[in-house]
N, C-alpha and C. Protein backbone atom coordinates (compact mmCIF):
# COMPACT_ATOMS: atom_id res chain seq x y z
N UNK A 1 -3.50 -24.17 15.20
CA UNK A 1 -3.89 -25.16 16.19
C UNK A 1 -5.21 -24.75 16.84
N UNK A 2 -5.34 -23.46 17.13
CA UNK A 2 -6.58 -22.98 17.75
C UNK A 2 -7.76 -23.17 16.80
N UNK A 3 -7.53 -22.94 15.50
CA UNK A 3 -8.59 -23.11 14.51
C UNK A 3 -9.06 -24.55 14.43
N UNK A 4 -8.14 -25.49 14.58
CA UNK A 4 -8.50 -26.90 14.56
C UNK A 4 -9.36 -27.26 15.76
N UNK A 5 -9.04 -26.70 16.91
CA UNK A 5 -9.84 -26.98 18.11
C UNK A 5 -11.24 -26.40 18.00
N UNK A 6 -11.32 -25.18 17.47
CA UNK A 6 -12.61 -24.52 17.38
C UNK A 6 -13.45 -24.99 16.21
N UNK A 7 -12.85 -25.60 15.20
CA UNK A 7 -13.61 -26.01 14.02
C UNK A 7 -14.71 -27.01 14.35
N UNK A 8 -14.54 -27.79 15.37
CA UNK A 8 -15.57 -28.75 15.76
C UNK A 8 -16.81 -28.05 16.30
N UNK A 9 -16.66 -26.82 16.81
CA UNK A 9 -17.79 -26.11 17.41
C UNK A 9 -18.35 -25.01 16.51
N UNK A 10 -17.71 -24.78 15.37
CA UNK A 10 -18.14 -23.69 14.50
C UNK A 10 -18.77 -24.23 13.22
N UNK A 11 -19.77 -23.54 12.75
CA UNK A 11 -20.43 -23.89 11.51
C UNK A 11 -20.07 -22.81 10.49
N UNK A 12 -19.38 -23.20 9.46
CA UNK A 12 -18.99 -22.23 8.43
C UNK A 12 -19.69 -22.59 7.14
N UNK A 13 -20.50 -21.62 6.66
CA UNK A 13 -21.22 -21.83 5.40
C UNK A 13 -20.91 -20.67 4.47
N UNK A 14 -20.89 -20.98 3.19
CA UNK A 14 -20.71 -19.95 2.19
C UNK A 14 -22.06 -19.48 1.68
N UNK A 15 -22.14 -18.24 1.32
CA UNK A 15 -23.39 -17.66 0.87
C UNK A 15 -23.94 -18.38 -0.35
N UNK A 16 -23.06 -18.77 -1.28
CA UNK A 16 -23.54 -19.44 -2.49
C UNK A 16 -24.08 -20.85 -2.19
N UNK A 17 -23.63 -21.46 -1.09
CA UNK A 17 -24.16 -22.76 -0.71
C UNK A 17 -25.54 -22.63 -0.09
N UNK A 18 -25.79 -21.54 0.61
CA UNK A 18 -27.06 -21.33 1.29
C UNK A 18 -28.11 -20.79 0.33
N UNK A 19 -27.74 -19.82 -0.49
CA UNK A 19 -28.67 -19.17 -1.41
C UNK A 19 -28.34 -19.65 -2.82
N UNK A 20 -29.10 -20.64 -3.28
CA UNK A 20 -28.82 -21.27 -4.58
C UNK A 20 -29.06 -20.34 -5.77
N UNK A 21 -29.96 -19.38 -5.62
CA UNK A 21 -30.30 -18.50 -6.74
C UNK A 21 -29.35 -17.31 -6.87
N UNK A 22 -28.31 -17.27 -6.08
CA UNK A 22 -27.35 -16.17 -6.12
C UNK A 22 -26.53 -16.24 -7.41
N UNK A 23 -26.52 -15.15 -8.20
CA UNK A 23 -25.73 -15.19 -9.45
C UNK A 23 -24.24 -15.19 -9.16
N UNK A 24 -23.48 -15.60 -10.15
CA UNK A 24 -22.03 -15.66 -9.99
C UNK A 24 -21.48 -14.25 -9.81
N UNK A 25 -20.43 -14.15 -9.03
CA UNK A 25 -19.81 -12.86 -8.77
C UNK A 25 -19.03 -12.41 -10.00
N UNK A 26 -19.22 -11.15 -10.38
CA UNK A 26 -18.47 -10.59 -11.50
C UNK A 26 -17.65 -9.41 -10.99
N UNK A 27 -16.45 -9.27 -11.52
CA UNK A 27 -15.58 -8.17 -11.15
C UNK A 27 -15.14 -7.45 -12.41
N UNK A 28 -15.00 -6.15 -12.29
CA UNK A 28 -14.54 -5.33 -13.40
C UNK A 28 -13.39 -4.45 -12.92
N UNK A 29 -12.30 -4.45 -13.65
CA UNK A 29 -11.17 -3.59 -13.31
C UNK A 29 -11.27 -2.33 -14.16
N UNK A 30 -11.26 -1.20 -13.50
CA UNK A 30 -11.34 0.08 -14.18
C UNK A 30 -10.07 0.85 -13.86
N UNK A 31 -9.26 1.11 -14.86
CA UNK A 31 -8.01 1.83 -14.67
C UNK A 31 -8.26 3.32 -14.87
N UNK A 32 -7.85 4.10 -13.90
CA UNK A 32 -8.05 5.55 -13.93
C UNK A 32 -6.69 6.21 -13.70
N UNK A 33 -6.34 7.21 -14.52
CA UNK A 33 -5.05 7.88 -14.30
C UNK A 33 -5.06 8.68 -13.00
N UNK A 34 -3.86 8.88 -12.45
CA UNK A 34 -3.76 9.66 -11.22
C UNK A 34 -4.02 11.13 -11.52
N UNK A 35 -4.58 11.81 -10.55
CA UNK A 35 -4.82 13.25 -10.69
C UNK A 35 -3.50 13.99 -10.53
N UNK A 36 -3.51 15.28 -10.83
CA UNK A 36 -2.29 16.09 -10.68
C UNK A 36 -1.83 16.12 -9.23
N UNK A 37 -2.78 16.16 -8.30
CA UNK A 37 -2.44 16.16 -6.88
C UNK A 37 -1.76 14.85 -6.49
N UNK A 38 -2.29 13.73 -6.96
CA UNK A 38 -1.69 12.43 -6.65
C UNK A 38 -0.29 12.31 -7.25
N UNK A 39 -0.11 12.81 -8.47
CA UNK A 39 1.22 12.78 -9.10
C UNK A 39 2.22 13.61 -8.30
N UNK A 40 1.80 14.79 -7.86
CA UNK A 40 2.70 15.66 -7.10
C UNK A 40 3.02 15.05 -5.73
N UNK A 41 2.01 14.48 -5.07
CA UNK A 41 2.26 13.83 -3.78
C UNK A 41 3.23 12.67 -3.93
N UNK A 42 3.04 11.84 -4.95
CA UNK A 42 3.94 10.70 -5.14
C UNK A 42 5.34 11.18 -5.49
N UNK A 43 5.47 12.26 -6.27
CA UNK A 43 6.79 12.81 -6.59
C UNK A 43 7.49 13.27 -5.32
N UNK A 44 6.76 13.99 -4.45
CA UNK A 44 7.35 14.48 -3.21
C UNK A 44 7.74 13.33 -2.28
N UNK A 45 6.91 12.29 -2.25
CA UNK A 45 7.24 11.13 -1.42
C UNK A 45 8.50 10.45 -1.92
N UNK A 46 8.62 10.28 -3.23
CA UNK A 46 9.81 9.64 -3.79
C UNK A 46 11.06 10.48 -3.56
N UNK A 47 10.93 11.80 -3.66
CA UNK A 47 12.08 12.66 -3.39
C UNK A 47 12.50 12.58 -1.92
N UNK A 48 11.52 12.50 -1.03
CA UNK A 48 11.85 12.41 0.40
C UNK A 48 12.48 11.06 0.75
N UNK A 49 12.17 10.02 -0.01
CA UNK A 49 12.73 8.69 0.26
C UNK A 49 13.91 8.33 -0.63
N UNK A 50 14.44 9.31 -1.37
CA UNK A 50 15.52 9.03 -2.32
C UNK A 50 16.78 8.50 -1.63
N UNK A 51 17.11 9.04 -0.46
CA UNK A 51 18.31 8.59 0.25
C UNK A 51 18.18 7.13 0.68
N UNK A 52 16.99 6.79 1.16
CA UNK A 52 16.76 5.40 1.59
C UNK A 52 16.86 4.47 0.40
N UNK A 53 16.26 4.88 -0.73
CA UNK A 53 16.31 4.04 -1.92
C UNK A 53 17.74 3.86 -2.40
N UNK A 54 18.54 4.93 -2.35
CA UNK A 54 19.94 4.84 -2.77
C UNK A 54 20.74 3.91 -1.86
N UNK A 55 20.52 4.02 -0.54
CA UNK A 55 21.23 3.14 0.40
C UNK A 55 20.83 1.68 0.18
N UNK A 56 19.54 1.45 -0.07
CA UNK A 56 19.07 0.08 -0.30
C UNK A 56 19.71 -0.49 -1.57
N UNK A 57 19.78 0.32 -2.62
CA UNK A 57 20.39 -0.14 -3.86
C UNK A 57 21.87 -0.44 -3.66
N UNK A 58 22.57 0.42 -2.94
CA UNK A 58 24.00 0.22 -2.69
C UNK A 58 24.25 -1.05 -1.88
N UNK A 59 23.45 -1.27 -0.84
CA UNK A 59 23.65 -2.47 -0.03
C UNK A 59 23.30 -3.73 -0.80
N UNK A 60 22.35 -3.63 -1.74
CA UNK A 60 21.99 -4.78 -2.56
C UNK A 60 23.12 -5.10 -3.54
N UNK A 61 23.69 -4.05 -4.15
CA UNK A 61 24.78 -4.27 -5.10
C UNK A 61 26.02 -4.82 -4.41
N UNK A 62 26.27 -4.38 -3.19
CA UNK A 62 27.44 -4.87 -2.45
C UNK A 62 27.21 -6.24 -1.85
N UNK A 63 25.96 -6.69 -1.81
CA UNK A 63 25.65 -8.00 -1.27
C UNK A 63 25.75 -8.10 0.23
N UNK A 64 25.52 -6.96 0.90
CA UNK A 64 25.61 -6.95 2.37
C UNK A 64 24.49 -7.78 2.98
N UNK A 65 24.80 -8.38 4.08
CA UNK A 65 23.80 -9.15 4.82
C UNK A 65 22.96 -8.21 5.67
N UNK A 66 21.94 -8.76 6.31
CA UNK A 66 21.07 -7.97 7.19
C UNK A 66 21.89 -7.41 8.35
N UNK A 67 21.88 -6.11 8.49
CA UNK A 67 22.51 -5.47 9.64
C UNK A 67 21.51 -4.47 10.22
N UNK A 68 21.90 -3.78 11.26
CA UNK A 68 21.00 -2.82 11.89
C UNK A 68 20.60 -1.71 10.95
N UNK A 69 21.57 -1.16 10.20
CA UNK A 69 21.28 -0.06 9.27
C UNK A 69 20.39 -0.53 8.13
N UNK A 70 20.67 -1.72 7.61
CA UNK A 70 19.86 -2.26 6.51
C UNK A 70 18.45 -2.53 7.00
N UNK A 71 18.32 -3.01 8.22
CA UNK A 71 17.01 -3.28 8.79
C UNK A 71 16.20 -1.99 8.92
N UNK A 72 16.85 -0.90 9.36
CA UNK A 72 16.16 0.38 9.47
C UNK A 72 15.77 0.90 8.10
N UNK A 73 16.66 0.71 7.12
CA UNK A 73 16.34 1.12 5.76
C UNK A 73 15.17 0.32 5.21
N UNK A 74 15.12 -0.96 5.54
CA UNK A 74 14.02 -1.80 5.07
C UNK A 74 12.70 -1.31 5.66
N UNK A 75 12.69 -0.94 6.92
CA UNK A 75 11.49 -0.40 7.55
C UNK A 75 11.08 0.92 6.89
N UNK A 76 12.07 1.78 6.61
CA UNK A 76 11.78 3.04 5.94
C UNK A 76 11.25 2.80 4.53
N UNK A 77 11.76 1.78 3.84
CA UNK A 77 11.30 1.43 2.50
C UNK A 77 9.85 0.96 2.54
N UNK A 78 9.52 0.14 3.51
CA UNK A 78 8.14 -0.33 3.65
C UNK A 78 7.20 0.83 3.94
N UNK A 79 7.65 1.77 4.76
CA UNK A 79 6.84 2.95 5.06
C UNK A 79 6.63 3.78 3.81
N UNK A 80 7.67 3.94 3.00
CA UNK A 80 7.56 4.70 1.75
C UNK A 80 6.58 4.02 0.79
N UNK A 81 6.69 2.72 0.67
CA UNK A 81 5.78 1.99 -0.22
C UNK A 81 4.33 2.10 0.24
N UNK A 82 4.12 2.04 1.54
CA UNK A 82 2.77 2.18 2.08
C UNK A 82 2.23 3.58 1.82
N UNK A 83 3.08 4.60 1.95
CA UNK A 83 2.65 5.97 1.68
C UNK A 83 2.32 6.16 0.21
N UNK A 84 3.10 5.54 -0.68
CA UNK A 84 2.79 5.63 -2.11
C UNK A 84 1.48 4.94 -2.45
N UNK A 85 1.24 3.82 -1.80
CA UNK A 85 -0.04 3.12 -2.02
C UNK A 85 -1.21 3.96 -1.51
N UNK A 86 -1.00 4.58 -0.35
CA UNK A 86 -2.02 5.46 0.23
C UNK A 86 -2.28 6.65 -0.70
N UNK A 87 -1.23 7.16 -1.31
CA UNK A 87 -1.34 8.29 -2.23
C UNK A 87 -2.20 7.92 -3.43
N UNK A 88 -2.04 6.72 -3.94
CA UNK A 88 -2.83 6.28 -5.10
C UNK A 88 -4.28 6.00 -4.73
N UNK A 89 -4.48 5.41 -3.57
CA UNK A 89 -5.83 5.01 -3.18
C UNK A 89 -6.62 6.15 -2.54
N UNK A 90 -6.07 6.77 -1.51
CA UNK A 90 -6.77 7.79 -0.75
C UNK A 90 -5.84 8.93 -0.37
N UNK A 91 -5.58 9.86 -1.28
CA UNK A 91 -4.65 10.95 -0.94
C UNK A 91 -5.18 11.87 0.16
N UNK A 92 -6.47 11.82 0.44
CA UNK A 92 -7.03 12.67 1.50
C UNK A 92 -6.51 12.25 2.87
N UNK A 93 -5.93 11.07 2.99
CA UNK A 93 -5.41 10.61 4.27
C UNK A 93 -4.18 11.39 4.70
N UNK A 94 -3.59 12.16 3.79
CA UNK A 94 -2.42 12.95 4.14
C UNK A 94 -2.80 14.25 4.84
N UNK A 95 -4.07 14.59 4.89
CA UNK A 95 -4.53 15.75 5.65
C UNK A 95 -4.10 17.07 5.07
N UNK A 96 -3.51 17.92 5.88
CA UNK A 96 -3.18 19.29 5.47
C UNK A 96 -2.15 19.31 4.35
N UNK A 97 -1.23 18.36 4.34
CA UNK A 97 -0.23 18.33 3.29
C UNK A 97 -0.89 18.14 1.93
N UNK A 98 -1.90 17.29 1.87
CA UNK A 98 -2.63 17.05 0.62
C UNK A 98 -3.33 18.33 0.18
N UNK A 99 -3.89 19.08 1.13
CA UNK A 99 -4.55 20.34 0.80
C UNK A 99 -3.60 21.36 0.21
N UNK A 100 -2.39 21.42 0.76
CA UNK A 100 -1.38 22.36 0.24
C UNK A 100 -0.99 21.99 -1.18
N UNK A 101 -0.78 20.69 -1.43
CA UNK A 101 -0.38 20.24 -2.77
C UNK A 101 -1.53 20.45 -3.75
N UNK A 102 -2.76 20.17 -3.33
CA UNK A 102 -3.92 20.33 -4.21
C UNK A 102 -4.11 21.78 -4.61
N UNK A 103 -3.92 22.70 -3.67
CA UNK A 103 -4.07 24.12 -4.00
C UNK A 103 -2.96 24.57 -4.95
N UNK A 104 -1.75 23.99 -4.80
CA UNK A 104 -0.64 24.34 -5.68
C UNK A 104 -0.90 23.79 -7.09
N UNK A 105 -1.57 22.62 -7.18
CA UNK A 105 -1.85 22.01 -8.49
C UNK A 105 -3.13 22.57 -9.11
N UNK A 106 -3.88 23.37 -8.36
CA UNK A 106 -5.11 23.96 -8.88
C UNK A 106 -6.30 23.02 -8.85
N UNK A 107 -6.31 22.06 -7.96
CA UNK A 107 -7.45 21.14 -7.84
C UNK A 107 -8.25 21.42 -6.59
C-alpha cells in the first residue's frame, strides 16, 4: 500500500532504458569443489545438528502438528542450514573455529 502511494512521486528507470548502447547482461556459473577446510567445517556442523535432524525426521514421519518443540527444532534447522550455506560461501566468517579446522586440514 505504501508503494502505491509513493509510486506517484517516484521515478523508476532501468539502466538499459536510459543507456541504449549497454550490452546485454551475461552470466557464467563456475562450479568449484569445496576445500578440505570447508568439507571438515560442514561435517562438524552436520554432526552438531544430528540430533535436531533426527527429531525433525521423527516428527515428520509421525505426522505431528506444529508444537513448541517442533517450532524450536525448525528454528535450529534453519540456523544449521544458514551455517552450512555460510560454510560454502565464506568459511572465514566462523573466525577462530575456521582457523583451528584449517590448521588441522593443513590449509
